[in-house]
Amino acid sequence: MGTRAAFWIGDPRKVKETEWLGCVAWDGYVWMEDKKFASIKTEEEFRTAIDTIKSERNDFADPANGGFPFPWPEDIFLTDCTYAYFDGCVYATWSHNSFKKLLDVICDKSKKWEGNDDPTMINIPIAEKYCYYDRNQPDSIMILSI
């Protein structure tokens, strides 16, 4: 199974104030170690970085093409990696852990996620305009039946 990632403008916990930029279905962890990505200073730079990711990959689920690509639109933080630009920098989380400044996580290995769920990160639905699971968007989920 792939490591999925979602990209946002704004804190995704503030559903009505957030913009979903898209998701990748495979290798979504690569930006967890990318100092250049973590050092982004403006929303425009973040959008440009996501546009570059979109143009370079064939597994990018684009909100312009449909709904949320994973079958858990009622809990967006079930997606393995979440990257968001807000408060002037790139934040990241792994599953339901607290958001941390990505540059801090990269520079200080002790700030990695310990696996403790943050109650503010649980059961956060995607905004209504993207609220349906769209099977036509790229995804890495495989269902096998025997």
Protein backbone atom coordinates (compact mmCIF):
# COMPACT_ATOMS: atom_id res chain seq x y z
CA MET A 1 0.00 0.00 0.00
CA GLY A 2 1.18 3.52 -0.69
CA THR A 3 1.92 6.21 1.82
CA ARG A 4 -0.68 8.86 1.01
CA ALA A 5 -0.39 12.60 1.50
CA ALA A 6 -2.81 15.51 1.41
CA PHE A 7 -1.94 19.17 0.85
CA TRP A 8 -3.86 22.14 2.28
CA ILE A 9 -3.88 25.90 2.52
CA GLY A 10 -4.95 26.75 6.05
CA ASP A 11 -5.35 24.54 9.08
CA PRO A 12 -7.51 21.60 7.90
CA ARG A 13 -9.19 21.42 11.30
CA LYS A 14 -10.93 24.69 10.35
CA VAL A 15 -12.98 23.00 7.65
CA LYS A 16 -14.74 26.07 6.26
CA GLU A 17 -11.55 28.15 6.12
CA THR A 18 -9.34 25.57 4.44
CA GLU A 19 -8.56 24.85 0.80
CA TRP A 20 -7.70 21.32 -0.25
CA LEU A 21 -5.00 21.43 -2.94
CA GLY A 22 -4.85 17.71 -3.66
CA CYS A 23 -3.41 14.38 -2.61
CA VAL A 24 -0.83 11.86 -3.75
CA ALA A 25 -1.40 8.13 -3.48
CA TRP A 26 2.20 6.87 -3.24
CA ASP A 27 5.35 7.94 -1.39
CA GLY A 28 3.68 10.83 0.42
CA TYR A 29 6.37 10.76 3.09
CA VAL A 30 9.13 12.18 0.82
CA TRP A 31 8.43 15.77 1.87
CA MET A 32 8.92 14.84 5.55
CA GLU A 33 12.68 15.03 4.88
CA ASP A 34 12.71 17.86 2.30
CA LYS A 35 14.27 20.98 3.84
CA LYS A 36 13.53 23.09 0.76
CA PHE A 37 9.81 22.19 0.98
CA ALA A 38 9.83 22.74 4.74
CA SER A 39 11.45 26.18 4.30
CA ILE A 40 8.63 27.61 2.18
CA LYS A 41 7.78 31.09 3.48
CA THR A 42 4.67 32.17 1.55
CA GLU A 43 1.35 30.76 0.44
CA GLU A 44 2.33 31.47 -3.17
CA GLU A 45 5.54 29.40 -2.80
CA PHE A 46 3.51 26.56 -1.27
CA ARG A 47 0.99 26.63 -4.11
CA THR A 48 3.85 26.63 -6.64
CA ALA A 49 5.44 23.64 -4.90
CA ILE A 50 2.15 21.72 -5.02
CA ASP A 51 1.69 22.64 -8.70
CA THR A 52 5.15 21.20 -9.35
CA ILE A 53 4.25 17.99 -7.51
CA LYS A 54 1.03 17.80 -9.53
CA SER A 55 2.89 18.20 -12.84
CA GLU A 56 5.55 15.61 -11.98
CA ARG A 57 3.33 12.77 -10.75
CA ASN A 58 0.63 10.59 -12.23
CA ASP A 59 -0.91 9.79 -8.83
CA PHE A 60 -2.05 13.31 -7.95
CA ALA A 61 -5.73 13.63 -7.04
CA ASP A 62 -6.74 17.14 -8.05
CA PRO A 63 -9.85 18.76 -6.54
CA ALA A 64 -10.43 20.39 -9.94
CA ASN A 65 -11.10 16.87 -11.26
CA GLY A 66 -13.43 15.57 -8.55
CA GLY A 67 -13.81 14.65 -4.92
CA PHE A 68 -11.60 13.24 -2.16
CA PRO A 69 -9.60 10.24 -3.42
CA PHE A 70 -9.67 8.14 -0.26
CA PRO A 71 -12.68 6.38 1.32
CA TRP A 72 -12.51 8.34 4.58
CA PRO A 73 -13.82 11.86 3.82
CA GLU A 74 -15.29 11.97 7.33
CA ASP A 75 -11.79 11.81 8.90
CA ILE A 76 -9.18 13.51 6.70
CA PHE A 77 -6.31 12.80 9.09
CA LEU A 78 -6.56 9.07 8.38
CA THR A 79 -4.44 10.01 5.37
CA ASP A 80 -0.87 9.06 6.32
CA CYS A 81 0.82 12.44 5.84
CA THR A 82 -0.82 15.84 5.90
CA TYR A 83 1.00 19.00 4.84
CA ALA A 84 -0.55 22.41 5.34
CA TYR A 85 0.58 25.98 4.90
CA PHE A 86 -0.71 28.30 7.63
CA ASP A 87 0.65 30.82 10.12
CA GLY A 88 3.54 31.60 7.77
CA CYS A 89 5.08 28.15 7.39
CA VAL A 90 4.61 24.52 6.38
CA TYR A 91 3.16 22.26 9.04
CA ALA A 92 2.93 18.49 8.87
CA THR A 93 1.41 15.60 10.73
CA TRP A 94 1.34 11.86 10.51
CA SER A 95 -2.18 10.50 10.93
CA HIS A 96 -3.87 11.88 14.06
CA ASN A 97 -0.75 13.36 15.67
CA SER A 98 -0.48 17.09 16.39
CA PHE A 99 0.65 19.46 13.67
CA LYS A 100 4.30 20.46 13.94
CA LYS A 101 6.37 22.90 11.93
CA LEU A 102 7.93 20.67 9.30
CA LEU A 103 11.30 22.42 9.45
CA ASP A 104 11.47 21.75 13.21
CA VAL A 105 10.71 18.07 12.63
CA ILE A 106 13.46 17.77 10.03
CA CYS A 107 16.06 19.69 12.05
CA ASP A 108 15.32 18.04 15.39
CA LYS A 109 14.80 14.29 15.12
CA SER A 110 13.47 14.23 18.69
CA LYS A 111 10.35 16.03 17.44
CA LYS A 112 9.16 13.04 15.38
CA TRP A 113 5.68 11.77 16.06
CA GLU A 114 5.35 9.50 19.05
CA GLY A 115 2.06 7.95 17.99
CA ASN A 116 -0.10 9.81 20.52
CA ASP A 117 -3.40 10.88 18.99
CA ASP A 118 -4.31 14.55 19.32
CA PRO A 119 -8.06 14.81 20.02
CA THR A 120 -8.26 17.94 17.83
CA MET A 121 -7.18 15.86 14.83
CA ILE A 122 -9.83 13.12 15.05
CA ASN A 123 -13.01 12.93 12.96
CA ILE A 124 -12.39 16.12 10.98
CA PRO A 125 -14.43 15.87 7.76
CA ILE A 126 -13.37 17.32 4.46
CA ALA A 127 -15.25 20.46 3.37
CA GLU A 128 -18.70 19.84 1.85
CA LYS A 129 -17.66 20.73 -1.69
CA TYR A 130 -15.23 17.78 -1.69
CA CYS A 131 -17.16 15.55 0.70
CA TYR A 132 -17.68 12.49 -1.45
CA TYR A 133 -15.25 9.62 -2.03
CA ASP A 134 -14.31 9.81 -5.70
CA ARG A 135 -13.19 6.42 -7.02
CA ASN A 136 -12.05 8.09 -10.25
CA GLN A 137 -9.27 10.02 -8.51
CA PRO A 138 -5.82 8.35 -8.22
CA ASP A 139 -5.55 6.12 -5.16
CA SER A 140 -3.32 3.33 -3.88
CA ILE A 141 -5.96 1.28 -2.08
CA MET A 142 -6.25 -2.25 -3.36
CA ILE A 143 -9.19 -4.47 -2.51
CA LEU A 144 -8.67 -8.17 -2.97
CA SER A 145 -11.43 -10.72 -2.86
CA ILE A 146 -10.88 -14.44 -2.56
